Amino acid sequence: MIVNTKYFGEMEVTDDDKIIFPEPLPGFENLSEYIIIRFYEDSDSIFCLQSLDDPELAFVVMNPFYVTKNYTPKLSPEDRASLKAGENTPLVFYAIAVVHDDWNDSTVNLKCPIIINTENGLARQLIMDDTAYSMRHPIAYAQKEG
């Protein structure tokens, strides 16, 4: 099917490309279908989480392991169950970014990552109690952290 996107115009999407949030993102309760689009073909650091329900809604998301290599989000058995994911199911993590004209002011939300089960396309936003992660982690520090 052909979909309209905020940053990339019209694109062809298959059902295999769809990401489904059975529990929608907070504040976007009527929007549950998305796709992930790379901003740059040769980069695995920055992406677009594009709503299929609303062409004007798109989040800039980043690979949180690019931001901090020691990122260790903890999933509960309930989190895994909601994704229909076992202990060895491949999962992908993204962090929503707020990008400003001045890159030094840009931040990423490491406290509430988006997790996608790559086998079935189910996704959820995990809200961690871990105080080690911030909702406004400076992206500018990404290359400086270990």
Protein backbone atom coordinates (compact mmCIF):
# COMPACT_ATOMS: atom_id res chain seq x y z
CA MET A 1 0.00 0.00 0.00
CA ILE A 2 1.06 3.60 -0.57
CA VAL A 3 1.24 5.85 2.51
CA ASN A 4 1.98 9.54 2.96
CA THR A 5 4.78 10.40 5.35
CA LYS A 6 5.78 13.62 7.06
CA TYR A 7 9.42 13.69 5.91
CA PHE A 8 9.64 11.31 2.95
CA GLY A 9 6.51 11.93 0.86
CA GLU A 10 4.70 8.89 -0.51
CA MET A 11 6.16 5.47 0.22
CA GLU A 12 5.16 1.92 -0.48
CA VAL A 13 4.67 -0.14 2.68
CA THR A 14 3.91 -3.82 3.16
CA ASP A 15 2.15 -5.45 6.09
CA ASP A 16 5.56 -6.82 7.15
CA ASP A 17 6.79 -3.22 7.61
CA LYS A 18 4.04 -2.36 10.10
CA ILE A 19 4.71 -1.93 13.79
CA ILE A 20 1.68 -2.31 16.03
CA PHE A 21 1.35 -0.75 19.49
CA PRO A 22 -1.43 -2.75 21.22
CA GLU A 23 -1.10 -0.16 24.02
CA PRO A 24 -0.75 3.13 22.10
CA LEU A 25 1.88 5.69 22.98
CA PRO A 26 0.76 8.03 25.78
CA GLY A 27 -1.05 11.01 24.28
CA PHE A 28 -1.68 9.21 20.98
CA GLU A 29 -4.36 6.74 22.05
CA ASN A 30 -6.05 6.51 18.63
CA LEU A 31 -2.82 5.81 16.73
CA SER A 32 -1.45 2.28 16.85
CA GLU A 33 0.19 1.51 13.48
CA TYR A 34 3.63 2.84 12.55
CA ILE A 35 6.66 2.12 10.39
CA ILE A 36 10.35 2.76 10.98
CA ILE A 37 12.19 4.66 8.23
CA ARG A 38 15.93 5.29 8.12
CA PHE A 39 16.84 8.92 7.67
CA TYR A 40 20.14 7.84 6.09
CA GLU A 41 20.59 4.50 4.31
CA ASP A 42 24.09 3.94 5.67
CA SER A 43 23.30 4.85 9.30
CA ASP A 44 21.78 2.83 12.12
CA SER A 45 21.65 5.75 14.55
CA ILE A 46 18.69 7.95 13.57
CA PHE A 47 15.26 6.95 12.27
CA CYS A 48 11.71 8.14 11.81
CA LEU A 49 8.82 6.45 13.62
CA GLN A 50 6.03 7.36 11.19
CA SER A 51 2.37 6.94 12.07
CA LEU A 52 0.33 5.13 9.44
CA ASP A 53 -2.87 6.52 10.97
CA ASP A 54 -1.80 10.18 10.75
CA PRO A 55 0.67 11.23 8.01
CA GLU A 56 1.60 14.39 9.96
CA LEU A 57 2.73 12.45 13.04
CA ALA A 58 6.32 11.29 12.95
CA PHE A 59 8.83 10.98 15.76
CA VAL A 60 12.59 11.22 15.36
CA VAL A 61 14.00 8.19 17.15
CA MET A 62 17.55 7.11 17.81
CA ASN A 63 19.37 3.91 18.53
CA PRO A 64 19.93 4.35 22.29
CA PHE A 65 23.07 2.21 22.13
CA TYR A 66 24.57 4.86 19.85
CA VAL A 67 23.83 7.47 22.50
CA THR A 68 25.33 5.42 25.34
CA LYS A 69 27.00 2.06 24.79
CA ASN A 70 26.27 0.98 28.36
CA TYR A 71 22.50 1.29 27.94
CA THR A 72 20.79 -1.60 29.76
CA PRO A 73 17.00 -1.31 29.79
CA LYS A 74 15.38 -3.97 31.96
CA LEU A 75 12.26 -5.74 30.76
CA SER A 76 9.93 -7.46 33.18
CA PRO A 77 8.21 -10.76 32.33
CA GLU A 78 5.04 -8.69 31.81
CA ASP A 79 6.84 -6.45 29.29
CA ARG A 80 8.01 -9.52 27.37
CA ALA A 81 4.53 -11.04 27.51
CA SER A 82 2.96 -7.87 26.07
CA LEU A 83 5.38 -8.16 23.13
CA LYS A 84 4.83 -11.93 22.90
CA ALA A 85 8.60 -12.22 23.27
CA GLY A 86 10.58 -15.02 24.89
CA GLU A 87 14.03 -14.66 26.46
CA ASN A 88 15.73 -15.15 23.06
CA THR A 89 13.32 -13.17 20.89
CA PRO A 90 15.14 -10.45 18.95
CA LEU A 91 14.11 -7.01 20.17
CA VAL A 92 15.03 -3.59 18.82
CA PHE A 93 15.18 -0.50 21.02
CA TYR A 94 14.62 3.12 20.02
CA ALA A 95 14.60 6.33 22.03
CA ILE A 96 12.49 9.33 21.07
CA ALA A 97 14.61 12.38 20.30
CA VAL A 98 13.87 16.08 20.42
CA VAL A 99 16.09 17.66 17.79
CA HIS A 100 16.78 21.40 17.84
CA ASP A 101 18.48 23.64 15.29
CA ASP A 102 21.42 23.80 17.67
CA TRP A 103 22.46 20.15 17.97
CA ASN A 104 23.87 20.86 21.44
CA ASP A 105 20.31 21.50 22.69
CA SER A 106 18.94 18.19 21.32
CA THR A 107 17.95 15.44 23.73
CA VAL A 108 16.86 11.81 23.73
CA ASN A 109 14.50 10.03 26.13
CA LEU A 110 16.48 7.07 27.51
CA LYS A 111 14.05 6.54 30.38
CA CYS A 112 11.14 5.51 28.13
CA PRO A 113 12.46 3.46 25.18
CA ILE A 114 10.32 2.01 22.44
CA ILE A 115 10.80 -1.73 22.12
CA ILE A 116 9.86 -3.72 19.01
CA ASN A 117 9.66 -7.48 18.67
CA THR A 118 11.18 -7.97 15.22
CA GLU A 119 9.49 -11.36 14.78
CA ASN A 120 5.89 -10.15 15.03
CA GLY A 121 6.04 -6.32 14.80
CA LEU A 122 4.52 -5.76 18.25
CA ALA A 123 5.82 -2.68 20.05
CA ARG A 124 5.47 -0.85 23.33
CA GLN A 125 6.95 2.07 25.14
CA LEU A 126 8.65 0.98 28.33
CA ILE A 127 8.60 3.47 31.19
CA MET A 128 11.51 2.52 33.43
CA ASP A 129 11.76 3.29 37.13
CA ASP A 130 15.55 3.30 36.78
CA THR A 131 16.83 6.71 37.82
CA ALA A 132 20.08 6.18 35.91
CA TYR A 133 18.32 7.27 32.72
CA SER A 134 16.89 10.67 31.87
CA MET A 135 14.00 11.75 29.70
CA ARG A 136 16.23 14.55 28.39
CA HIS A 137 19.66 13.02 27.88
CA PRO A 138 21.84 15.38 25.78
CA ILE A 139 22.56 13.88 22.36
CA ALA A 140 25.70 16.00 22.08
CA TYR A 141 27.35 13.71 24.64
CA ALA A 142 26.74 10.58 22.53
CA GLN A 143 30.26 10.40 21.10
CA LYS A 144 31.88 11.21 24.44
CA GLU A 145 30.31 8.47 26.58
CA GLY A 146 31.64 4.95 26.96
